[in-house]
Structure formats: C-alpha cells, structure tokens
Amino acid sequence: MLFHPVLALFSPEIIGIIVLGALVVFGYDKVPKLARSLGSAKKEFMVGQMEADEAAAKAREEIKARAATAATEPPTAPETEPHS
C-alpha cells in the first residue's frame, strides 16, 4: 500500500488521537461537514490548476505560432517620412 511520506511519520494510534481530538473540538456533526468542505476546496483548487495549465499551454502555442510566422515573413524596411 502506498502512503504519503508525511503520513509515514504518524502511527495509527496518533491518527486516532487526532481524529478523536477533532471530534471533541468540532463536535460529532461538524466533522463530516468539515471533511466535505475540505474535499470541495481541494476539488476547486484542482479545477483552477487545470484551467491555469490549459491557459499556459494555449499561450505557449500562440507564442510558437507568432515565432513561426515571424520566421517565414521577409523583413520589411521601416517606413521613412519624406523630408520637405
């Protein structure tokens, strides 16, 4: 079974004490609501992270397309204003 490295520091007894402490502090009916809100917050974070990754990938593609377009176009001479 694969565990997160931080969880390897805690034994099952320690985790049980933390859960019991949470029950005492927050109350029996608040703990499931707290767990649900933490889960939904994690889900929202992951959705935001995916959207940011997609936006960054799109920006990289646009930059590559501009660079490819600039590389294929011949350089143009700057326009000069006629002297009067």
N, C-alpha and C. Protein backbone atom coordinates (compact mmCIF):
# COMPACT_ATOMS: atom_id res chain seq x y z
N MET A 1 0.84 -1.17 0.00
CA MET A 1 0.00 0.00 0.00
C MET A 1 0.89 1.24 0.00
N LEU A 2 0.56 2.21 -0.82
CA LEU A 2 1.37 3.41 -0.98
C LEU A 2 0.84 4.51 -0.06
N PHE A 3 1.72 5.07 0.77
CA PHE A 3 1.34 6.13 1.68
C PHE A 3 2.08 7.40 1.33
N HIS A 4 1.50 8.50 1.68
CA HIS A 4 2.17 9.78 1.53
C HIS A 4 3.32 9.81 2.53
N PRO A 5 4.47 10.37 2.17
CA PRO A 5 5.62 10.37 3.08
C PRO A 5 5.34 11.00 4.44
N VAL A 6 4.51 12.02 4.49
CA VAL A 6 4.21 12.66 5.77
C VAL A 6 3.41 11.72 6.65
N LEU A 7 2.50 10.96 6.05
CA LEU A 7 1.70 10.02 6.84
C LEU A 7 2.55 8.90 7.42
N ALA A 8 3.70 8.64 6.84
CA ALA A 8 4.58 7.60 7.37
C ALA A 8 5.12 7.99 8.74
N LEU A 9 5.13 9.28 9.06
CA LEU A 9 5.60 9.74 10.36
C LEU A 9 4.61 9.45 11.48
N PHE A 10 3.34 9.26 11.13
CA PHE A 10 2.30 9.06 12.13
C PHE A 10 1.91 7.59 12.21
N SER A 11 1.81 7.10 13.42
CA SER A 11 1.34 5.73 13.61
C SER A 11 -0.19 5.75 13.65
N PRO A 12 -0.83 4.60 13.53
CA PRO A 12 -2.30 4.57 13.59
C PRO A 12 -2.85 5.13 14.91
N GLU A 13 -2.11 4.94 15.99
CA GLU A 13 -2.57 5.47 17.28
C GLU A 13 -2.60 7.00 17.27
N ILE A 14 -1.57 7.60 16.69
CA ILE A 14 -1.50 9.07 16.61
C ILE A 14 -2.65 9.60 15.76
N ILE A 15 -2.90 8.94 14.63
CA ILE A 15 -4.00 9.37 13.76
C ILE A 15 -5.33 9.26 14.50
N GLY A 16 -5.52 8.19 15.26
CA GLY A 16 -6.74 8.03 16.05
C GLY A 16 -6.90 9.12 17.08
N ILE A 17 -5.83 9.51 17.73
CA ILE A 17 -5.89 10.58 18.72
C ILE A 17 -6.24 11.90 18.05
N ILE A 18 -5.70 12.15 16.85
CA ILE A 18 -6.02 13.38 16.12
C ILE A 18 -7.50 13.40 15.75
N VAL A 19 -8.03 12.26 15.29
CA VAL A 19 -9.45 12.19 14.92
C VAL A 19 -10.33 12.41 16.14
N LEU A 20 -9.99 11.78 17.27
CA LEU A 20 -10.77 11.98 18.50
C LEU A 20 -10.69 13.44 18.95
N GLY A 21 -9.52 14.05 18.82
CA GLY A 21 -9.39 15.46 19.17
C GLY A 21 -10.26 16.35 18.29
N ALA A 22 -10.33 16.02 17.02
CA ALA A 22 -11.20 16.78 16.11
C ALA A 22 -12.66 16.60 16.50
N LEU A 23 -13.05 15.40 16.90
CA LEU A 23 -14.43 15.17 17.34
C LEU A 23 -14.75 15.99 18.58
N VAL A 24 -13.81 16.08 19.49
CA VAL A 24 -14.04 16.84 20.72
C VAL A 24 -14.12 18.33 20.42
N VAL A 25 -13.21 18.81 19.58
CA VAL A 25 -13.15 20.25 19.31
C VAL A 25 -14.31 20.70 18.44
N PHE A 26 -14.60 19.99 17.37
CA PHE A 26 -15.62 20.44 16.41
C PHE A 26 -16.99 19.84 16.65
N GLY A 27 -17.08 18.77 17.37
CA GLY A 27 -18.37 18.13 17.60
C GLY A 27 -18.63 17.07 16.55
N TYR A 28 -19.46 16.11 16.93
CA TYR A 28 -19.72 14.95 16.08
C TYR A 28 -20.36 15.34 14.75
N ASP A 29 -21.31 16.29 14.73
CA ASP A 29 -22.00 16.61 13.48
C ASP A 29 -21.19 17.57 12.60
N LYS A 30 -20.21 18.27 13.14
CA LYS A 30 -19.44 19.22 12.33
C LYS A 30 -18.30 18.56 11.56
N VAL A 31 -17.79 17.44 12.02
CA VAL A 31 -16.64 16.81 11.37
C VAL A 31 -16.96 16.37 9.94
N PRO A 32 -18.10 15.71 9.66
CA PRO A 32 -18.39 15.36 8.26
C PRO A 32 -18.53 16.59 7.37
N LYS A 33 -19.14 17.65 7.89
CA LYS A 33 -19.27 18.89 7.11
C LYS A 33 -17.89 19.49 6.83
N LEU A 34 -17.03 19.44 7.83
CA LEU A 34 -15.68 19.95 7.65
C LEU A 34 -14.92 19.14 6.61
N ALA A 35 -15.07 17.83 6.65
CA ALA A 35 -14.40 16.96 5.67
C ALA A 35 -14.93 17.23 4.26
N ARG A 36 -16.25 17.42 4.13
CA ARG A 36 -16.83 17.72 2.82
C ARG A 36 -16.33 19.06 2.29
N SER A 37 -16.25 20.05 3.16
CA SER A 37 -15.78 21.36 2.71
C SER A 37 -14.31 21.30 2.31
N LEU A 38 -13.51 20.52 3.02
CA LEU A 38 -12.11 20.35 2.61
C LEU A 38 -12.01 19.64 1.27
N GLY A 39 -12.86 18.65 1.05
CA GLY A 39 -12.86 17.94 -0.23
C GLY A 39 -13.27 18.84 -1.38
N SER A 40 -14.30 19.66 -1.15
CA SER A 40 -14.74 20.56 -2.23
C SER A 40 -13.70 21.65 -2.48
N ALA A 41 -13.01 22.10 -1.44
CA ALA A 41 -11.96 23.09 -1.63
C ALA A 41 -10.82 22.50 -2.45
N LYS A 42 -10.46 21.25 -2.18
CA LYS A 42 -9.41 20.59 -2.95
C LYS A 42 -9.83 20.44 -4.41
N LYS A 43 -11.10 20.08 -4.62
CA LYS A 43 -11.61 19.92 -5.99
C LYS A 43 -11.55 21.25 -6.73
N GLU A 44 -11.97 22.33 -6.10
CA GLU A 44 -11.93 23.64 -6.74
C GLU A 44 -10.49 24.05 -7.05
N PHE A 45 -9.57 23.75 -6.15
CA PHE A 45 -8.17 24.05 -6.40
C PHE A 45 -7.65 23.30 -7.61
N MET A 46 -7.99 22.02 -7.71
CA MET A 46 -7.52 21.20 -8.83
C MET A 46 -8.12 21.70 -10.14
N VAL A 47 -9.40 22.10 -10.13
CA VAL A 47 -10.02 22.64 -11.34
C VAL A 47 -9.32 23.94 -11.76
N GLY A 48 -9.05 24.80 -10.81
CA GLY A 48 -8.35 26.04 -11.11
C GLY A 48 -6.95 25.79 -11.64
N GLN A 49 -6.28 24.79 -11.07
CA GLN A 49 -4.94 24.45 -11.53
C GLN A 49 -4.98 23.92 -12.96
N MET A 50 -5.97 23.10 -13.30
CA MET A 50 -6.10 22.59 -14.67
C MET A 50 -6.38 23.73 -15.64
N GLU A 51 -7.25 24.67 -15.25
CA GLU A 51 -7.55 25.81 -16.11
C GLU A 51 -6.30 26.67 -16.34
N ALA A 52 -5.51 26.87 -15.30
CA ALA A 52 -4.28 27.65 -15.44
C ALA A 52 -3.29 26.93 -16.35
N ASP A 53 -3.20 25.60 -16.22
CA ASP A 53 -2.31 24.83 -17.09
C ASP A 53 -2.75 24.93 -18.55
N GLU A 54 -4.06 24.86 -18.78
CA GLU A 54 -4.58 24.97 -20.15
C GLU A 54 -4.29 26.36 -20.73
N ALA A 55 -4.47 27.40 -19.91
CA ALA A 55 -4.21 28.77 -20.38
C ALA A 55 -2.72 28.95 -20.69
N ALA A 56 -1.86 28.38 -19.87
CA ALA A 56 -0.41 28.48 -20.13
C ALA A 56 -0.04 27.73 -21.40
N ALA A 57 -0.63 26.56 -21.62
CA ALA A 57 -0.33 25.80 -22.84
C ALA A 57 -0.81 26.57 -24.07
N LYS A 58 -1.98 27.19 -23.98
CA LYS A 58 -2.51 27.97 -25.10
C LYS A 58 -1.60 29.16 -25.39
N ALA A 59 -1.11 29.83 -24.34
CA ALA A 59 -0.21 30.97 -24.53
C ALA A 59 1.10 30.52 -25.17
N ARG A 60 1.63 29.36 -24.76
CA ARG A 60 2.86 28.85 -25.37
C ARG A 60 2.64 28.55 -26.85
N GLU A 61 1.48 27.96 -27.20
CA GLU A 61 1.18 27.67 -28.61
C GLU A 61 1.08 28.95 -29.43
N GLU A 62 0.46 30.00 -28.86
CA GLU A 62 0.35 31.27 -29.57
C GLU A 62 1.72 31.89 -29.80
N ILE A 63 2.60 31.80 -28.81
CA ILE A 63 3.95 32.34 -28.96
C ILE A 63 4.71 31.59 -30.03
N LYS A 64 4.58 30.26 -30.05
CA LYS A 64 5.25 29.46 -31.08
C LYS A 64 4.72 29.81 -32.47
N ALA A 65 3.39 30.00 -32.58
CA ALA A 65 2.79 30.35 -33.87
C ALA A 65 3.29 31.72 -34.33
N ARG A 66 3.39 32.68 -33.42
CA ARG A 66 3.90 34.01 -33.79
C ARG A 66 5.36 33.93 -34.22
N ALA A 67 6.13 33.13 -33.51
CA ALA A 67 7.55 32.99 -33.86
C ALA A 67 7.69 32.32 -35.22
N ALA A 68 6.87 31.33 -35.51
CA ALA A 68 6.93 30.66 -36.81
C ALA A 68 6.51 31.61 -37.92
N THR A 69 5.50 32.42 -37.68
CA THR A 69 5.05 33.40 -38.66
C THR A 69 6.12 34.45 -38.90
N ALA A 70 6.74 34.91 -37.83
CA ALA A 70 7.79 35.93 -37.97
C ALA A 70 9.01 35.37 -38.69
N ALA A 71 9.29 34.09 -38.52
CA ALA A 71 10.45 33.49 -39.16
C ALA A 71 10.22 33.29 -40.66
N THR A 72 8.98 33.10 -41.10
CA THR A 72 8.71 32.86 -42.51
C THR A 72 8.50 34.16 -43.30
N GLU A 73 8.15 35.25 -42.63
CA GLU A 73 7.93 36.52 -43.33
C GLU A 73 9.27 37.21 -43.58
N PRO A 74 9.42 37.79 -44.75
CA PRO A 74 10.67 38.53 -45.01
C PRO A 74 10.69 39.82 -44.19
N PRO A 75 11.86 40.25 -43.79
CA PRO A 75 11.92 41.50 -43.01
C PRO A 75 11.53 42.68 -43.89
N THR A 76 10.83 43.61 -43.33
CA THR A 76 10.40 44.79 -44.08
C THR A 76 11.21 45.99 -43.62
N ALA A 77 11.46 46.88 -44.56
CA ALA A 77 12.21 48.10 -44.24
C ALA A 77 11.28 49.05 -43.51
N PRO A 78 11.80 49.76 -42.55
CA PRO A 78 10.93 50.72 -41.85
C PRO A 78 10.55 51.85 -42.78
N GLU A 79 9.33 52.32 -42.62
CA GLU A 79 8.85 53.41 -43.46
C GLU A 79 9.51 54.71 -43.01
N THR A 80 9.93 55.46 -43.98
CA THR A 80 10.55 56.76 -43.68
C THR A 80 9.62 57.87 -44.15
N GLU A 81 9.64 58.93 -43.43
CA GLU A 81 8.79 60.06 -43.81
C GLU A 81 9.56 60.92 -44.81
N PRO A 82 8.86 61.40 -45.83
CA PRO A 82 9.54 62.27 -46.80
C PRO A 82 9.94 63.59 -46.15
N HIS A 83 11.13 64.05 -46.51
CA HIS A 83 11.61 65.33 -45.98
C HIS A 83 11.08 66.46 -46.84
N SER A 84 10.55 67.48 -46.23
CA SER A 84 10.05 68.60 -47.01
C SER A 84 10.94 69.80 -46.94
